[in-house]
Every structure is written in structure tokens, then in C-alpha cells.
Amino acid sequence: MKSKKLLNILDLKSEADGVFETENWEYPDYLTDPSQLISFQSFAQYLEKGIGPVNSGEINNHWKEWEDYDID
């Protein structure tokens, strides 16, 4: 989807040059601040400066990665 079409669907007014979309990234555990992760640093750099490609880090956002943290 082109960025302008997405922005129109979301009813956002912007002069964005592009859109970054991902389903996989390195998600912080409860002891880690998101700003410490390469994925969040890379997302921020892309948003702020348009510098890519985005580094998703060690992909761990699938629910199976977090089974040890499930609370019954």
C-alpha cells in the first residue's frame, strides 16, 4: 500500500515519504528498556532521519517466545 493511501485511510494529514511496516521485531523483556534494543533504536532512526534499512534485532515477538512468562 502506498503511504498516501494509508494516511488517507487513517485520516492523517502528513507529508510522509514512506511507511515502514513489520510484524517481526525484537520486543523488550520486563527488565529491558525499549531504548536499549537495536530494533527500537533503528525504528527511531528511520522515523527521525529516514535512514534505513531498519534492523529488527533478534526477532522474539511471537507468542511462543513468551510462554515462560505466562501467568495462570
Protein backbone atom coordinates (compact mmCIF):
# COMPACT_ATOMS: atom_id res chain seq x y z
CA MET A 1 0.00 0.00 0.00
CA LYS A 2 1.30 3.43 -0.85
CA SER A 3 1.94 5.73 2.10
CA LYS A 4 -0.54 8.39 0.92
CA LYS A 5 -3.33 5.81 0.63
CA LEU A 6 -2.61 4.52 4.15
CA LEU A 7 -2.55 8.05 5.55
CA ASN A 8 -5.88 8.81 3.86
CA ILE A 9 -7.44 5.63 5.28
CA LEU A 10 -6.24 6.64 8.75
CA ASP A 11 -7.40 10.22 8.09
CA LEU A 12 -3.93 11.58 8.86
CA LYS A 13 -2.52 14.65 7.19
CA SER A 14 1.19 14.24 6.57
CA GLU A 15 3.87 14.69 4.00
CA ALA A 16 5.41 11.29 4.79
CA ASP A 17 7.80 9.97 2.18
CA GLY A 18 7.23 6.37 3.17
CA VAL A 19 5.75 3.90 5.58
CA PHE A 20 7.55 1.17 7.48
CA GLU A 21 5.54 -1.93 8.38
CA THR A 22 6.70 -5.07 10.13
CA GLU A 23 5.24 -7.98 12.02
CA ASN A 24 8.57 -9.14 13.42
CA TRP A 25 10.89 -7.26 15.74
CA GLU A 26 12.88 -7.58 18.95
CA TYR A 27 10.49 -6.91 21.81
CA PRO A 28 11.94 -5.96 25.22
CA ASP A 29 11.54 -8.21 28.22
CA TYR A 30 10.35 -6.78 31.52
CA LEU A 31 13.93 -5.97 32.60
CA THR A 32 14.95 -4.15 29.43
CA ASP A 33 14.10 -0.59 28.47
CA PRO A 34 12.98 -0.44 24.82
CA SER A 35 15.55 2.27 24.10
CA GLN A 36 18.31 -0.28 24.80
CA LEU A 37 17.26 -2.51 21.90
CA ILE A 38 18.69 -2.20 18.40
CA SER A 39 15.21 -2.66 16.93
CA PHE A 40 13.74 0.36 18.74
CA GLN A 41 16.87 2.44 18.09
CA SER A 42 16.68 1.53 14.41
CA PHE A 43 12.93 2.32 14.23
CA ALA A 44 13.61 5.72 15.81
CA GLN A 45 16.46 6.45 13.41
CA TYR A 46 14.26 5.56 10.46
CA LEU A 47 11.40 7.75 11.72
CA GLU A 48 13.63 10.68 12.63
CA LYS A 49 16.13 10.68 9.79
CA GLY A 50 14.73 8.31 7.15
CA ILE A 51 17.85 6.17 7.43
CA GLY A 52 17.28 2.52 6.52
CA PRO A 53 17.20 -0.33 6.27
CA VAL A 54 15.57 -0.92 9.65
CA ASN A 55 17.27 -3.52 11.84
CA SER A 56 14.60 -5.64 13.56
CA GLY A 57 17.12 -7.07 16.04
CA GLU A 58 16.68 -10.58 17.44
CA ILE A 59 13.10 -11.31 16.44
CA ASN A 60 11.22 -12.54 19.50
CA ASN A 61 7.70 -11.15 19.32
CA HIS A 62 5.98 -14.45 18.55
CA TRP A 63 3.83 -15.61 21.48
CA LYS A 64 5.83 -18.86 21.81
CA GLU A 65 8.87 -16.79 22.80
CA TRP A 66 6.99 -15.59 25.91
CA GLU A 67 5.42 -18.85 27.22
CA ASP A 68 7.77 -18.81 30.24
CA TYR A 69 6.19 -15.51 31.31
CA ASP A 70 2.57 -16.73 31.17
CA ILE A 71 0.64 -16.24 34.37
CA ASP A 72 -2.15 -18.70 35.12
